[in-house]
Protein backbone atom coordinates (compact mmCIF):
# COMPACT_ATOMS: atom_id res chain seq x y z
CA UNK A 1 132.03 112.86 67.36
CA UNK A 2 130.07 109.76 68.31
CA UNK A 3 132.79 108.79 70.82
CA UNK A 4 132.66 112.26 72.44
CA UNK A 5 128.88 111.97 72.84
CA UNK A 6 129.24 108.63 74.62
CA UNK A 7 131.91 110.06 76.94
CA UNK A 8 129.71 113.05 77.81
CA UNK A 9 126.74 110.77 78.44
CA UNK A 10 128.83 108.61 80.79
CA UNK A 11 130.02 111.69 82.65
CA UNK A 12 126.42 112.93 83.00
CA UNK A 13 125.18 109.56 84.24
CA UNK A 14 128.09 108.92 86.62
CA UNK A 15 126.75 111.05 89.55
CA UNK A 16 123.40 109.25 89.37
CA UNK A 17 125.13 105.88 89.26
CA UNK A 18 127.26 106.73 92.30
CA UNK A 19 124.20 108.00 94.18
CA UNK A 20 122.24 104.82 93.38
CA UNK A 21 125.19 102.69 94.48
CA UNK A 22 125.45 104.65 97.75
CA UNK A 23 121.72 104.30 98.43
CA UNK A 24 121.79 100.57 97.64
CA UNK A 25 124.59 100.17 100.17
CA UNK A 26 122.51 101.93 102.82
CA UNK A 27 119.37 99.91 102.10
CA UNK A 28 121.23 96.57 102.18
CA UNK A 29 123.34 97.41 105.23
CA UNK A 30 123.28 95.22 108.33
CA UNK A 31 123.06 98.38 110.44
CA UNK A 32 119.54 99.40 111.50
CA UNK A 33 120.61 103.03 111.59
CA UNK A 34 121.80 102.95 107.98
CA UNK A 35 118.63 101.23 106.84
CA UNK A 36 116.66 103.89 108.70
CA UNK A 37 118.65 106.60 106.93
CA UNK A 38 117.81 104.95 103.60
CA UNK A 39 114.09 105.20 104.45
CA UNK A 40 114.47 108.88 105.37
CA UNK A 41 116.28 109.55 102.08
CA UNK A 42 113.62 107.67 100.13
CA UNK A 43 110.85 109.58 101.93
CA UNK A 44 112.43 112.98 101.24
CA UNK A 45 113.03 112.20 97.55
CA UNK A 46 109.50 110.82 97.12
CA UNK A 47 107.93 113.79 98.92
CA UNK A 48 109.77 116.37 96.79
CA UNK A 49 109.04 114.38 93.61
CA UNK A 50 105.31 114.13 94.29
CA UNK A 51 105.17 117.78 95.33
CA UNK A 52 106.92 118.75 92.09
CA UNK A 53 104.51 116.59 90.09
CA UNK A 54 101.54 118.29 91.75
CA UNK A 55 103.10 121.66 90.95
CA UNK A 56 103.49 120.74 87.27
CA UNK A 57 100.09 119.09 86.81
CA UNK A 58 98.35 121.66 89.04
CA UNK A 59 95.20 119.56 89.71
CA UNK A 60 92.18 121.65 90.65
CA UNK A 61 91.37 119.56 93.75
CA UNK A 62 94.80 120.17 95.26
CA UNK A 63 95.11 123.88 94.53
CA UNK A 64 93.40 124.75 97.79
CA UNK A 65 91.33 123.07 100.51
CA UNK A 66 88.36 125.20 99.44
CA UNK A 67 88.49 123.55 95.99
CA UNK A 68 88.34 120.10 97.57
CA UNK A 69 85.49 121.32 99.77
CA UNK A 70 83.51 122.59 96.75
CA UNK A 71 84.14 119.39 94.80
CA UNK A 72 82.90 117.18 97.63
CA UNK A 73 79.85 119.43 98.05
CA UNK A 74 78.90 119.41 94.35
CA UNK A 75 79.31 115.60 94.09
CA UNK A 76 76.33 115.10 96.41
CA UNK A 77 75.94 111.53 97.69
CA UNK A 78 79.08 110.41 95.86
CA UNK A 79 81.00 113.18 97.62
CA UNK A 80 79.72 111.97 101.00
CA UNK A 81 80.79 108.40 100.25
CA UNK A 82 84.20 109.59 99.04
CA UNK A 83 84.65 111.67 102.20
CA UNK A 84 83.58 108.72 104.38
CA UNK A 85 86.18 106.54 102.63
CA UNK A 86 88.86 109.19 103.24
CA UNK A 87 87.99 109.32 106.96
CA UNK A 88 88.18 105.52 107.19
CA UNK A 89 91.46 105.07 105.31
CA UNK A 90 93.56 108.17 106.05
CA UNK A 91 94.13 107.52 109.80
CA UNK A 92 96.20 104.50 108.74
CA UNK A 93 98.80 106.85 107.28
CA UNK A 94 98.36 110.41 108.49
CA UNK A 95 96.68 112.85 110.93
CA UNK A 96 92.98 113.20 110.23
CA UNK A 97 92.25 116.74 111.47
CA UNK A 98 92.69 118.45 108.08
CA UNK A 99 90.25 116.06 106.40
CA UNK A 100 87.66 116.46 109.17
CA UNK A 101 87.82 120.24 108.90
CA UNK A 102 87.38 120.08 105.12
CA UNK A 103 84.41 117.69 105.43
CA UNK A 104 82.59 119.91 107.88
CA UNK A 105 83.18 122.93 105.64
CA UNK A 106 81.83 120.97 102.65
CA UNK A 107 78.73 119.37 104.19
CA UNK A 108 77.95 121.65 107.12
CA UNK A 109 78.65 121.07 110.81
CA UNK A 110 75.84 118.56 111.55
CA UNK A 111 76.18 116.36 108.47
CA UNK A 112 79.96 116.74 108.60
CA UNK A 113 79.98 115.59 112.24
CA UNK A 114 77.82 112.53 111.52
CA UNK A 115 79.91 111.45 108.53
CA UNK A 116 83.16 112.05 110.43
CA UNK A 117 81.93 110.18 113.52
CA UNK A 118 80.80 107.11 111.57
CA UNK A 119 84.02 107.10 109.55
CA UNK A 120 86.20 107.42 112.65
CA UNK A 121 84.40 104.58 114.44
CA UNK A 122 84.82 102.29 111.42
CA UNK A 123 88.45 103.34 111.06
CA UNK A 124 89.30 102.75 114.74
CA UNK A 125 87.77 99.27 114.63
CA UNK A 126 89.51 98.45 111.36
CA UNK A 127 92.89 99.49 112.76
CA UNK A 128 92.23 97.55 116.00
CA UNK A 129 91.42 94.37 114.07
CA UNK A 130 94.39 94.74 111.71
CA UNK A 131 96.83 95.19 114.60
CA UNK A 132 95.12 92.39 116.55
CA UNK A 133 95.86 90.05 113.64
CA UNK A 134 99.59 90.71 114.13
CA UNK A 135 99.39 89.02 117.57
CA UNK A 136 101.51 91.65 119.35
CA UNK A 137 99.65 91.28 122.67
CA UNK A 138 101.88 88.46 123.88
CA UNK A 139 105.19 90.00 122.79
CA UNK A 140 105.67 91.92 126.06
CA UNK A 141 104.44 92.19 129.65
CA UNK A 142 104.21 88.45 130.31
CA UNK A 143 106.12 88.63 133.60
CA UNK A 144 107.88 90.98 136.01
CA UNK A 145 107.39 94.75 135.98
CA UNK A 146 106.02 94.73 132.43
CA UNK A 147 103.32 92.29 133.43
CA UNK A 148 102.32 94.44 136.40
CA UNK A 149 102.04 97.55 134.22
CA UNK A 150 100.05 95.62 131.65
CA UNK A 151 97.58 94.39 134.29
CA UNK A 152 97.11 97.93 135.66
CA UNK A 153 96.45 99.33 132.17
CA UNK A 154 94.05 96.50 131.39
CA UNK A 155 92.17 97.06 134.66
CA UNK A 156 91.69 100.79 134.00
CA UNK A 157 91.56 100.47 130.20
CA UNK A 158 88.20 102.24 129.79
CA UNK A 159 89.29 105.49 131.47
CA UNK A 160 92.76 105.40 129.88
CA UNK A 161 91.32 104.89 126.37
CA UNK A 162 88.88 107.79 126.82
CA UNK A 163 91.69 110.09 127.99
CA UNK A 164 93.92 109.11 125.06
CA UNK A 165 91.10 109.66 122.56
CA UNK A 166 90.39 113.07 124.08
CA UNK A 167 93.98 114.12 123.28
CA UNK A 168 93.26 114.61 119.59
CA UNK A 169 96.94 115.06 118.60
CA UNK A 170 97.57 111.33 119.20
CA UNK A 171 96.89 109.37 115.96
CA UNK A 172 94.21 106.65 115.99
CA UNK A 173 96.77 104.09 114.86
CA UNK A 174 98.97 104.60 117.94
CA UNK A 175 96.01 104.44 120.33
CA UNK A 176 94.68 101.26 118.70
CA UNK A 177 98.15 99.69 118.74
CA UNK A 178 98.54 100.54 122.42
CA UNK A 179 95.10 99.08 123.16
CA UNK A 180 95.93 95.81 121.43
CA UNK A 181 99.43 95.57 122.95
CA UNK A 182 98.09 95.98 126.48
CA UNK A 183 95.24 93.54 125.97
CA UNK A 184 92.36 96.03 126.15
CA UNK A 185 89.15 94.10 125.31
CA UNK A 186 87.44 95.08 122.06
CA UNK A 187 84.14 96.05 123.74
CA UNK A 188 85.88 98.46 126.13
CA UNK A 189 87.91 99.87 123.25
CA UNK A 190 84.75 100.53 121.20
CA UNK A 191 82.91 102.16 124.14
CA UNK A 192 85.86 104.41 125.01
CA UNK A 193 86.47 105.36 121.38
CA UNK A 194 82.78 106.16 120.80
CA UNK A 195 82.86 108.70 123.65
CA UNK A 196 86.46 109.91 123.46
CA UNK A 197 86.49 111.01 119.81
CA UNK A 198 83.36 113.18 120.13
CA UNK A 199 84.96 116.43 121.43
CA UNK A 200 87.67 116.65 118.75
CA UNK A 201 85.21 115.81 115.94
CA UNK A 202 82.71 118.35 117.27
CA UNK A 203 85.42 121.01 117.38
CA UNK A 204 86.58 120.27 113.83
CA UNK A 205 83.00 120.09 112.55
CA UNK A 206 81.75 123.37 114.01
CA UNK A 207 84.99 125.29 113.41
CA UNK A 208 85.66 123.86 109.94
CA UNK A 209 84.73 126.92 107.91
CA UNK A 210 86.90 129.17 110.08
CA UNK A 211 89.92 126.82 110.12
CA UNK A 212 89.97 125.61 106.51
CA UNK A 213 91.53 128.78 105.10
CA UNK A 214 94.58 128.69 107.35
CA UNK A 215 95.55 125.04 106.89
CA UNK A 216 98.63 123.60 105.25
CA UNK A 217 98.41 123.20 101.47
CA UNK A 218 96.56 120.05 100.31
CA UNK A 219 99.49 119.36 97.99
CA UNK A 220 101.81 119.03 100.99
CA UNK A 221 99.28 116.96 102.92
CA UNK A 222 98.57 114.45 100.13
CA UNK A 223 102.26 114.26 99.19
CA UNK A 224 102.89 113.35 102.84
CA UNK A 225 100.17 110.68 102.72
CA UNK A 226 101.76 109.22 99.57
CA UNK A 227 105.17 109.09 101.27
CA UNK A 228 103.73 107.34 104.35
CA UNK A 229 102.05 104.70 102.17
CA UNK A 230 105.27 104.21 100.19
CA UNK A 231 107.44 103.82 103.31
CA UNK A 232 105.00 101.37 104.91
CA UNK A 233 105.02 99.27 101.71
CA UNK A 234 108.83 99.34 101.57
CA UNK A 235 109.12 98.27 105.23
CA UNK A 236 106.55 95.49 104.72
CA UNK A 237 108.43 94.21 101.64
CA UNK A 238 111.75 94.29 103.51
CA UNK A 239 110.27 92.39 106.42
CA UNK A 240 108.79 89.79 104.05
CA UNK A 241 112.12 89.36 102.22
CA UNK A 242 113.98 88.93 105.51
CA UNK A 243 111.45 86.31 106.59
CA UNK A 244 111.85 84.42 103.32
CA UNK A 245 115.65 84.62 103.65
CA UNK A 246 115.45 83.19 107.18
CA UNK A 247 113.23 80.32 105.99
CA UNK A 248 115.60 79.54 103.10
CA UNK A 249 118.62 79.56 105.42
CA UNK A 250 116.89 77.07 107.75
CA UNK A 251 116.08 74.78 104.84
CA UNK A 252 119.63 75.01 103.41
CA UNK A 253 121.99 75.29 106.41
């Protein structure tokens, strides 16, 4: 009887073992495509797992955007500070429109606009400085056609940055990365961002109450944010491990 139980347990575990072995092979592969597939698989599994956890726990805040709106409103000053923190941090991982709409619905169009504007300015500068620290400016466009394009972009950086910020579907992170990569000076970046983000924030702030009801579920949104954070951490860890491996191989040829 005991032997039969062990056999059944092994048979039940075998599919999971094979799946883990297959995934490990993808993650450790020398092929970029296979490693990319491993990230997609990880993201899908994590997204469905977090979504399932939200469904089981059924937290009040994530039942509907109106619940999050009411919670932020009833928290008073603490709610404003929490919302400001969300506006600063979330652009690193996800689109910000849903949060801006919720904030305006919670605090009213004027206060919502001011909080969103301050948060977006801080966030844009934070992202710019973080990407600047990676020193990606000198990785391309040092000569030839790339250098010519880089000089043109740098010369007209103010107008280009304003236009990019006006297209609200482009994430802050991509715009900041492009600004750093093309050598746009920080002062021009700040001026263009300060003007360019106004129309989209104004729209979200004064249309928040009308738009909040038709938005995607907060469970899906926050599950997506979790997945983005997870994948960024995994990629950072992989890059660090590869760097350590390269250093060790140089020390022990």
